[in-house]
Amino acid sequence: MAFLHVFLLLLLSSFSVDAVVFTLQNRCNKTIWPAIQAFAGQPQLMQGGLELNPSQSRNLTAPKGWSGRFWGRTGCTFNVYGEGTCTTGDCGNGLYCNGASGEPPASVAELTLDSPVDFYDVSLLDGFNMPISIFPSDDSGVCPSVGCETDLNLRCPTNLIVRGDRGEIVACKSACTAFQMPEYCCTGQFQNPNRCKPTKYSQYFKRACPSTYTYAFDDPLSTVTCRDSDYLIMFC
């Protein structure tokens, strides 16, 4: 029995060193369907999708070197087989995205772990569909939180608005997504930070949510670092 006890302690110690826990929490007043896309070579978590009711949380375990992105989907309708679509953030695969990316506009939390520290940011490069934030739970308490806790749909510029079936505003496009022009997407002759500058559209996002990425050459301080932490991904 003593040997078994020591073995279990070693196993748990190894697990805590080699794994990271993501807690997904729905603070919205309606059901959402978080989606997860692991980057190349990384394992998919929860097959890339799940349902979260208001006030519900779910813990996911990832290997220490995991990297990927999280976003929320709204207005989803799925059958018992997980087949269906969403009004915003749809990945085209039903409930389980299984590596597929989401359709913009969607607010995205991105993390690259143990490289050699953890890098993370909240990106509005493809627009906004719901508030999303990242809160590290490191023992030191010095790792910063980042995100957008403001509902940008409430004052979305008219030509960036996305409406649902009933005419309600469900998302706010980025200028790149809306207009597909080099000066907004930082492509072509604008593919360098000296020529591609913030626009009135990206500044709308930046003023409301200063810790987020709002265009391709945004403030590099929008990506922050931490070490040996678990992470809370909060929606709304």
C-alpha atoms as a PDB file:
ATOM      1  CA  MET A   1       0.000   0.000   0.000  1.00  0.00           C
ATOM      2  CA  ALA A   2       2.857   2.367   0.817  1.00  0.00           C
ATOM      3  CA  PHE A   3       4.349   1.767  -2.634  1.00  0.00           C
ATOM      4  CA  LEU A   4       0.982   2.477  -4.266  1.00  0.00           C
ATOM      5  CA  HIS A   5       0.629   5.706  -2.275  1.00  0.00           C
ATOM      6  CA  VAL A   6       4.066   6.922  -3.392  1.00  0.00           C
ATOM      7  CA  PHE A   7       3.309   5.939  -6.982  1.00  0.00           C
ATOM      8  CA  LEU A   8       0.071   7.953  -6.970  1.00  0.00           C
ATOM      9  CA  LEU A   9       1.828  10.994  -5.522  1.00  0.00           C
ATOM     10  CA  LEU A  10       4.477  10.814  -8.236  1.00  0.00           C
ATOM     11  CA  LEU A  11       1.795  10.411 -10.879  1.00  0.00           C
ATOM     12  CA  LEU A  12      -0.144  13.425  -9.643  1.00  0.00           C
ATOM     13  CA  SER A  13       3.043  15.477  -9.415  1.00  0.00           C
ATOM     14  CA  SER A  14       3.931  14.583 -12.988  1.00  0.00           C
ATOM     15  CA  PHE A  15       0.425  15.465 -14.135  1.00  0.00           C
ATOM     16  CA  SER A  16       0.553  18.909 -12.543  1.00  0.00           C
ATOM     17  CA  VAL A  17       3.860  19.686 -14.220  1.00  0.00           C
ATOM     18  CA  ASP A  18       2.951  18.377 -17.668  1.00  0.00           C
ATOM     19  CA  ALA A  19      -0.625  19.624 -18.003  1.00  0.00           C
ATOM     20  CA  VAL A  20      -2.503  22.917 -18.031  1.00  0.00           C
ATOM     21  CA  VAL A  21      -6.149  23.362 -17.066  1.00  0.00           C
ATOM     22  CA  PHE A  22      -8.353  25.721 -19.065  1.00  0.00           C
ATOM     23  CA  THR A  23     -11.603  26.706 -17.377  1.00  0.00           C
ATOM     24  CA  LEU A  24     -14.254  27.917 -19.827  1.00  0.00           C
ATOM     25  CA  GLN A  25     -16.886  30.001 -18.078  1.00  0.00           C
ATOM     26  CA  ASN A  26     -20.109  31.385 -19.535  1.00  0.00           C
ATOM     27  CA  ARG A  27     -21.005  34.695 -17.875  1.00  0.00           C
ATOM     28  CA  CYS A  28     -23.473  35.572 -20.641  1.00  0.00           C
ATOM     29  CA  ASN A  29     -27.225  35.586 -20.065  1.00  0.00           C
ATOM     30  CA  LYS A  30     -27.773  32.996 -22.786  1.00  0.00           C
ATOM     31  CA  THR A  31     -26.352  29.649 -23.869  1.00  0.00           C
ATOM     32  CA  ILE A  32     -23.180  29.787 -25.961  1.00  0.00           C
ATOM     33  CA  TRP A  33     -21.174  27.117 -27.753  1.00  0.00           C
ATOM     34  CA  PRO A  34     -17.416  27.632 -27.225  1.00  0.00           C
ATOM     35  CA  ALA A  35     -15.206  26.373 -30.039  1.00  0.00           C
ATOM     36  CA  ILE A  36     -11.572  25.296 -29.822  1.00  0.00           C
ATOM     37  CA  GLN A  37      -9.001  25.024 -32.595  1.00  0.00           C
ATOM     38  CA  ALA A  38      -5.661  23.452 -31.778  1.00  0.00           C
ATOM     39  CA  PHE A  39      -2.747  24.679 -33.855  1.00  0.00           C
ATOM     40  CA  ALA A  40      -0.807  22.304 -36.101  1.00  0.00           C
ATOM     41  CA  GLY A  41       0.492  19.187 -34.371  1.00  0.00           C
ATOM     42  CA  GLN A  42      -1.474  19.777 -31.157  1.00  0.00           C
ATOM     43  CA  PRO A  43      -4.299  17.557 -29.855  1.00  0.00           C
ATOM     44  CA  GLN A  44      -7.858  18.754 -30.254  1.00  0.00           C
ATOM     45  CA  LEU A  45      -9.641  19.449 -26.950  1.00  0.00           C
ATOM     46  CA  MET A  46     -13.264  18.312 -26.504  1.00  0.00           C
ATOM     47  CA  GLN A  47     -13.322  17.531 -30.245  1.00  0.00           C
ATOM     48  CA  GLY A  48     -13.272  21.280 -30.798  1.00  0.00           C
ATOM     49  CA  GLY A  49     -16.646  22.236 -29.348  1.00  0.00           C
ATOM     50  CA  LEU A  50     -19.075  22.142 -26.449  1.00  0.00           C
ATOM     51  CA  GLU A  51     -22.206  23.778 -25.040  1.00  0.00           C
ATOM     52  CA  LEU A  52     -22.209  26.067 -21.997  1.00  0.00           C
ATOM     53  CA  ASN A  53     -25.381  27.284 -20.321  1.00  0.00           C
ATOM     54  CA  PRO A  54     -25.460  30.611 -18.438  1.00  0.00           C
ATOM     55  CA  SER A  55     -23.209  30.545 -15.330  1.00  0.00           C
ATOM     56  CA  GLN A  56     -21.837  27.129 -16.327  1.00  0.00           C
ATOM     57  CA  SER A  57     -18.099  26.316 -16.326  1.00  0.00           C
ATOM     58  CA  ARG A  58     -16.123  23.465 -17.822  1.00  0.00           C
ATOM     59  CA  ASN A  59     -12.526  22.404 -17.155  1.00  0.00           C
ATOM     60  CA  LEU A  60     -10.351  21.144 -20.024  1.00  0.00           C
ATOM     61  CA  THR A  61      -6.883  19.650 -19.622  1.00  0.00           C
ATOM     62  CA  ALA A  62      -4.193  20.307 -22.240  1.00  0.00           C
ATOM     63  CA  PRO A  63      -0.546  19.202 -22.474  1.00  0.00           C
ATOM     64  CA  LYS A  64       1.997  21.761 -21.298  1.00  0.00           C
ATOM     65  CA  GLY A  65       3.170  22.749 -24.792  1.00  0.00           C
ATOM     66  CA  TRP A  66      -0.314  23.123 -26.264  1.00  0.00           C
ATOM     67  CA  SER A  67      -1.231  26.036 -28.518  1.00  0.00           C
ATOM     68  CA  GLY A  68      -4.528  27.064 -30.042  1.00  0.00           C
ATOM     69  CA  ARG A  69      -7.510  29.378 -29.918  1.00  0.00           C
ATOM     70  CA  PHE A  70     -10.919  29.646 -28.263  1.00  0.00           C
ATOM     71  CA  TRP A  71     -13.979  31.572 -29.392  1.00  0.00           C
ATOM     72  CA  GLY A  72     -17.666  31.673 -28.585  1.00  0.00           C
ATOM     73  CA  ARG A  73     -20.483  30.751 -30.964  1.00  0.00           C
ATOM     74  CA  THR A  74     -24.004  32.132 -30.685  1.00  0.00           C
ATOM     75  CA  GLY A  75     -27.388  31.264 -32.086  1.00  0.00           C
ATOM     76  CA  CYS A  76     -26.518  27.606 -32.633  1.00  0.00           C
ATOM     77  CA  THR A  77     -28.980  24.837 -33.452  1.00  0.00           C
ATOM     78  CA  PHE A  78     -27.658  21.266 -33.313  1.00  0.00           C
ATOM     79  CA  ASN A  79     -29.454  17.945 -33.534  1.00  0.00           C
ATOM     80  CA  VAL A  80     -28.692  14.879 -31.403  1.00  0.00           C
ATOM     81  CA  TYR A  81     -25.812  14.007 -33.752  1.00  0.00           C
ATOM     82  CA  GLY A  82     -24.170  17.426 -33.335  1.00  0.00           C
ATOM     83  CA  GLU A  83     -25.162  18.523 -36.828  1.00  0.00           C
ATOM     84  CA  GLY A  84     -26.206  22.122 -37.305  1.00  0.00           C
ATOM     85  CA  THR A  85     -25.040  25.709 -37.674  1.00  0.00           C
ATOM     86  CA  CYS A  86     -24.453  28.869 -35.637  1.00  0.00           C
ATOM     87  CA  THR A  87     -25.330  32.505 -36.299  1.00  0.00           C
ATOM     88  CA  THR A  88     -21.833  33.692 -35.318  1.00  0.00           C
ATOM     89  CA  GLY A  89     -18.486  31.879 -35.063  1.00  0.00           C
ATOM     90  CA  ASP A  90     -19.714  28.882 -37.063  1.00  0.00           C
ATOM     91  CA  CYS A  91     -16.944  26.439 -38.009  1.00  0.00           C
ATOM     92  CA  GLY A  92     -18.882  24.493 -40.646  1.00  0.00           C
ATOM     93  CA  ASN A  93     -18.532  21.156 -38.819  1.00  0.00           C
ATOM     94  CA  GLY A  94     -21.487  21.314 -36.456  1.00  0.00           C
ATOM     95  CA  LEU A  95     -20.985  21.182 -32.693  1.00  0.00           C
ATOM     96  CA  TYR A  96     -17.539  19.558 -32.907  1.00  0.00           C
ATOM     97  CA  CYS A  97     -15.190  21.732 -34.966  1.00  0.00           C
ATOM     98  CA  ASN A  98     -12.395  19.113 -34.940  1.00  0.00           C
ATOM     99  CA  GLY A  99      -9.703  21.492 -36.159  1.00  0.00           C
ATOM    100  CA  ALA A 100     -11.848  23.799 -38.312  1.00  0.00           C
ATOM    101  CA  SER A 101     -11.629  27.549 -37.769  1.00  0.00           C
ATOM    102  CA  GLY A 102     -14.551  29.849 -37.082  1.00  0.00           C
ATOM    103  CA  GLU A 103     -16.217  32.150 -39.561  1.00  0.00           C
ATOM    104  CA  PRO A 104     -15.523  35.822 -38.770  1.00  0.00           C
ATOM    105  CA  PRO A 105     -16.468  38.007 -37.094  1.00  0.00           C
ATOM    106  CA  ALA A 106     -15.600  36.345 -33.799  1.00  0.00           C
ATOM    107  CA  SER A 107     -13.697  37.428 -30.687  1.00  0.00           C
ATOM    108  CA  VAL A 108     -10.756  35.051 -30.184  1.00  0.00           C
ATOM    109  CA  ALA A 109      -8.539  34.046 -27.253  1.00  0.00           C
ATOM    110  CA  GLU A 110      -5.149  32.694 -28.410  1.00  0.00           C
ATOM    111  CA  LEU A 111      -2.541  30.879 -26.305  1.00  0.00           C
ATOM    112  CA  THR A 112       0.863  29.326 -26.992  1.00  0.00           C
ATOM    113  CA  LEU A 113       2.103  27.499 -23.911  1.00  0.00           C
ATOM    114  CA  ASP A 114       5.619  26.738 -22.664  1.00  0.00           C
ATOM    115  CA  SER A 115       7.532  28.392 -25.511  1.00  0.00           C
ATOM    116  CA  PRO A 116       9.514  28.708 -23.198  1.00  0.00           C
ATOM    117  CA  VAL A 117       6.900  30.850 -21.403  1.00  0.00           C
ATOM    118  CA  ASP A 118       3.174  31.081 -22.114  1.00  0.00           C
ATOM    119  CA  PHE A 119       2.138  33.713 -24.670  1.00  0.00           C
ATOM    120  CA  TYR A 120      -1.503  34.761 -24.844  1.00  0.00           C
ATOM    121  CA  ASP A 121      -3.715  37.463 -26.303  1.00  0.00           C
ATOM    122  CA  VAL A 122      -7.289  38.336 -27.220  1.00  0.00           C
ATOM    123  CA  SER A 123      -7.685  39.183 -30.897  1.00  0.00           C
ATOM    124  CA  LEU A 124     -10.357  41.273 -32.618  1.00  0.00           C
ATOM    125  CA  LEU A 125      -8.524  41.123 -35.955  1.00  0.00           C
ATOM    126  CA  ASP A 126     -11.515  39.348 -37.498  1.00  0.00           C
ATOM    127  CA  GLY A 127     -14.102  41.373 -35.589  1.00  0.00           C
ATOM    128  CA  PHE A 128     -16.201  40.882 -32.455  1.00  0.00           C
ATOM    129  CA  ASN A 129     -19.183  38.758 -31.539  1.00  0.00           C
ATOM    130  CA  MET A 130     -19.061  38.597 -27.721  1.00  0.00           C
ATOM    131  CA  PRO A 131     -16.886  39.728 -24.798  1.00  0.00           C
ATOM    132  CA  ILE A 132     -14.024  37.333 -24.047  1.00  0.00           C
ATOM    133  CA  SER A 133     -11.127  37.531 -21.580  1.00  0.00           C
ATOM    134  CA  ILE A 134      -8.168  35.459 -20.372  1.00  0.00           C
ATOM    135  CA  PHE A 135      -7.381  35.332 -16.644  1.00  0.00           C
ATOM    136  CA  PRO A 136      -4.219  33.445 -15.587  1.00  0.00           C
ATOM    137  CA  SER A 137      -4.292  31.719 -12.194  1.00  0.00           C
ATOM    138  CA  ASP A 138      -0.553  31.720 -11.513  1.00  0.00           C
ATOM    139  CA  ASP A 139       0.724  31.436  -7.954  1.00  0.00           C
ATOM    140  CA  SER A 140       2.703  34.675  -8.245  1.00  0.00           C
ATOM    141  CA  GLY A 141      -0.333  36.783  -9.090  1.00  0.00           C
ATOM    142  CA  VAL A 142       1.733  38.968 -11.417  1.00  0.00           C
ATOM    143  CA  CYS A 143       0.567  37.618 -14.784  1.00  0.00           C
ATOM    144  CA  PRO A 144      -1.778  40.125 -16.466  1.00  0.00           C
ATOM    145  CA  SER A 145      -5.284  39.418 -17.644  1.00  0.00           C
ATOM    146  CA  VAL A 146      -6.261  40.510 -21.161  1.00  0.00           C
ATOM    147  CA  GLY A 147      -9.506  40.743 -23.026  1.00  0.00           C
ATOM    148  CA  CYS A 148     -12.583  42.649 -24.049  1.00  0.00           C
ATOM    149  CA  GLU A 149     -15.337  42.857 -21.442  1.00  0.00           C
ATOM    150  CA  THR A 150     -17.349  45.484 -23.335  1.00  0.00           C
ATOM    151  CA  ASP A 151     -20.164  44.562 -25.728  1.00  0.00           C
ATOM    152  CA  LEU A 152     -18.895  46.246 -28.893  1.00  0.00           C
ATOM    153  CA  ASN A 153     -22.071  45.292 -30.743  1.00  0.00           C
ATOM    154  CA  LEU A 154     -23.920  48.062 -28.903  1.00  0.00           C
ATOM    155  CA  ARG A 155     -22.085  50.854 -30.759  1.00  0.00           C
ATOM    156  CA  CYS A 156     -20.742  49.031 -33.796  1.00  0.00           C
ATOM    157  CA  PRO A 157     -20.131  51.354 -36.780  1.00  0.00           C
ATOM    158  CA  THR A 158     -23.050  51.033 -39.180  1.00  0.00           C
ATOM    159  CA  ASN A 159     -21.051  49.579 -42.079  1.00  0.00           C
ATOM    160  CA  LEU A 160     -19.529  46.870 -39.853  1.00  0.00           C
ATOM    161  CA  ILE A 161     -22.798  45.556 -38.365  1.00  0.00           C
ATOM    162  CA  VAL A 162     -23.848  41.908 -38.766  1.00  0.00           C
ATOM    163  CA  ARG A 163     -27.538  41.227 -38.156  1.00  0.00           C
ATOM    164  CA  GLY A 164     -29.334  38.033 -37.227  1.00  0.00           C
ATOM    165  CA  ASP A 165     -32.520  36.613 -38.698  1.00  0.00           C
ATOM    166  CA  ARG A 166     -34.714  38.916 -36.621  1.00  0.00           C
ATOM    167  CA  GLY A 167     -32.717  42.033 -37.483  1.00  0.00           C
ATOM    168  CA  GLU A 168     -30.832  42.131 -34.171  1.00  0.00           C
ATOM    169  CA  ILE A 169     -27.124  43.022 -34.120  1.00  0.00           C
ATOM    170  CA  VAL A 170     -25.183  39.798 -33.503  1.00  0.00           C
ATOM    171  CA  ALA A 171     -21.612  40.786 -34.393  1.00  0.00           C
ATOM    172  CA  CYS A 172     -19.331  43.620 -35.472  1.00  0.00           C
ATOM    173  CA  LYS A 173     -16.943  43.029 -38.377  1.00  0.00           C
ATOM    174  CA  SER A 174     -13.382  44.281 -38.511  1.00  0.00           C
ATOM    175  CA  ALA A 175     -12.644  46.665 -41.372  1.00  0.00           C
ATOM    176  CA  CYS A 176     -10.524  43.980 -43.050  1.00  0.00           C
ATOM    177  CA  THR A 177     -13.383  41.471 -42.907  1.00  0.00           C
ATOM    178  CA  ALA A 178     -15.920  44.063 -44.083  1.00  0.00           C
ATOM    179  CA  PHE A 179     -14.020  45.764 -46.912  1.00  0.00           C
ATOM    180  CA  GLN A 180     -11.231  43.328 -47.901  1.00  0.00           C
ATOM    181  CA  MET A 181      -8.918  46.232 -48.789  1.00  0.00           C
ATOM    182  CA  PRO A 182      -5.096  46.194 -48.390  1.00  0.00           C
ATOM    183  CA  GLU A 183      -5.003  49.289 -46.189  1.00  0.00           C
ATOM    184  CA  TYR A 184      -7.343  47.618 -43.703  1.00  0.00           C
ATOM    185  CA  CYS A 185      -5.860  44.102 -43.962  1.00  0.00           C
ATOM    186  CA  CYS A 186      -2.187  45.195 -44.014  1.00  0.00           C
ATOM    187  CA  THR A 187      -1.587  43.270 -47.245  1.00  0.00           C
ATOM    188  CA  GLY A 188       0.068  44.119 -50.560  1.00  0.00           C
ATOM    189  CA  GLN A 189       1.859  47.461 -50.443  1.00  0.00           C
ATOM    190  CA  PHE A 190       0.594  47.933 -46.879  1.00  0.00           C
ATOM    191  CA  GLN A 191       2.282  44.775 -45.607  1.00  0.00           C
ATOM    192  CA  ASN A 192       4.600  46.591 -43.192  1.00  0.00           C
ATOM    193  CA  PRO A 193       4.064  48.571 -39.987  1.00  0.00           C
ATOM    194  CA  ASN A 194       5.332  51.810 -41.513  1.00  0.00           C
ATOM    195  CA  ARG A 195       2.477  51.925 -44.027  1.00  0.00           C
ATOM    196  CA  CYS A 196      -0.332  50.062 -42.286  1.00  0.00           C
ATOM    197  CA  LYS A 197      -1.601  52.252 -39.464  1.00  0.00           C
ATOM    198  CA  PRO A 198      -4.614  52.160 -37.155  1.00  0.00           C
ATOM    199  CA  THR A 199      -7.877  53.198 -38.794  1.00  0.00           C
ATOM    200  CA  LYS A 200     -10.981  54.769 -37.294  1.00  0.00           C
ATOM    201  CA  TYR A 201     -12.462  51.264 -37.244  1.00  0.00           C
ATOM    202  CA  SER A 202      -9.592  49.561 -35.417  1.00  0.00           C
ATOM    203  CA  GLN A 203      -9.430  52.520 -33.034  1.00  0.00           C
ATOM    204  CA  TYR A 204     -13.087  51.946 -32.138  1.00  0.00           C
ATOM    205  CA  PHE A 205     -12.125  48.452 -30.945  1.00  0.00           C
ATOM    206  CA  LYS A 206      -8.918  49.670 -29.295  1.00  0.00           C
ATOM    207  CA  ARG A 207     -10.527  52.445 -27.287  1.00  0.00           C
ATOM    208  CA  ALA A 208     -13.139  50.075 -25.891  1.00  0.00           C
ATOM    209  CA  CYS A 209     -10.752  47.152 -25.308  1.00  0.00           C
ATOM    210  CA  PRO A 210      -7.168  48.497 -25.075  1.00  0.00           C
ATOM    211  CA  SER A 211      -5.509  45.147 -24.224  1.00  0.00           C
ATOM    212  CA  THR A 212      -6.696  43.443 -27.443  1.00  0.00           C
ATOM    213  CA  TYR A 213      -5.183  43.064 -30.916  1.00  0.00           C
ATOM    214  CA  THR A 214      -7.246  45.185 -33.292  1.00  0.00           C
ATOM    215  CA  TYR A 215      -5.212  45.166 -36.536  1.00  0.00           C
ATOM    216  CA  ALA A 216      -2.237  43.300 -37.968  1.00  0.00           C
ATOM    217  CA  PHE A 217       0.501  45.634 -36.648  1.00  0.00           C
ATOM    218  CA  ASP A 218      -1.157  46.560 -33.378  1.00  0.00           C
ATOM    219  CA  ASP A 219       0.748  47.260 -30.170  1.00  0.00           C
ATOM    220  CA  PRO A 220       3.004  44.225 -29.469  1.00  0.00           C
ATOM    221  CA  LEU A 221       2.172  44.655 -25.776  1.00  0.00           C
ATOM    222  CA  SER A 222      -1.234  43.167 -26.629  1.00  0.00           C
ATOM    223  CA  THR A 223       0.502  39.781 -26.349  1.00  0.00           C
ATOM    224  CA  VAL A 224       1.545  39.079 -22.754  1.00  0.00           C
ATOM    225  CA  THR A 225       3.372  36.235 -21.028  1.00  0.00           C
ATOM    226  CA  CYS A 226       3.084  34.037 -17.978  1.00  0.00           C
ATOM    227  CA  ARG A 227       4.700  30.869 -16.648  1.00  0.00           C
ATOM    228  CA  ASP A 228       3.340  27.728 -14.954  1.00  0.00           C
ATOM    229  CA  SER A 229      -0.280  28.879 -14.858  1.00  0.00           C
ATOM    230  CA  ASP A 230      -3.754  27.557 -15.535  1.00  0.00           C
ATOM    231  CA  TYR A 231      -6.145  29.843 -17.395  1.00  0.00           C
ATOM    232  CA  LEU A 232      -9.744  30.996 -17.104  1.00  0.00           C
ATOM    233  CA  ILE A 233     -11.345  31.832 -20.458  1.00  0.00           C
ATOM    234  CA  MET A 234     -14.375  33.940 -19.616  1.00  0.00           C
ATOM    235  CA  PHE A 235     -17.186  34.714 -22.047  1.00  0.00           C
ATOM    236  CA  CYS A 236     -19.120  37.949 -21.253  1.00  0.00           C
END
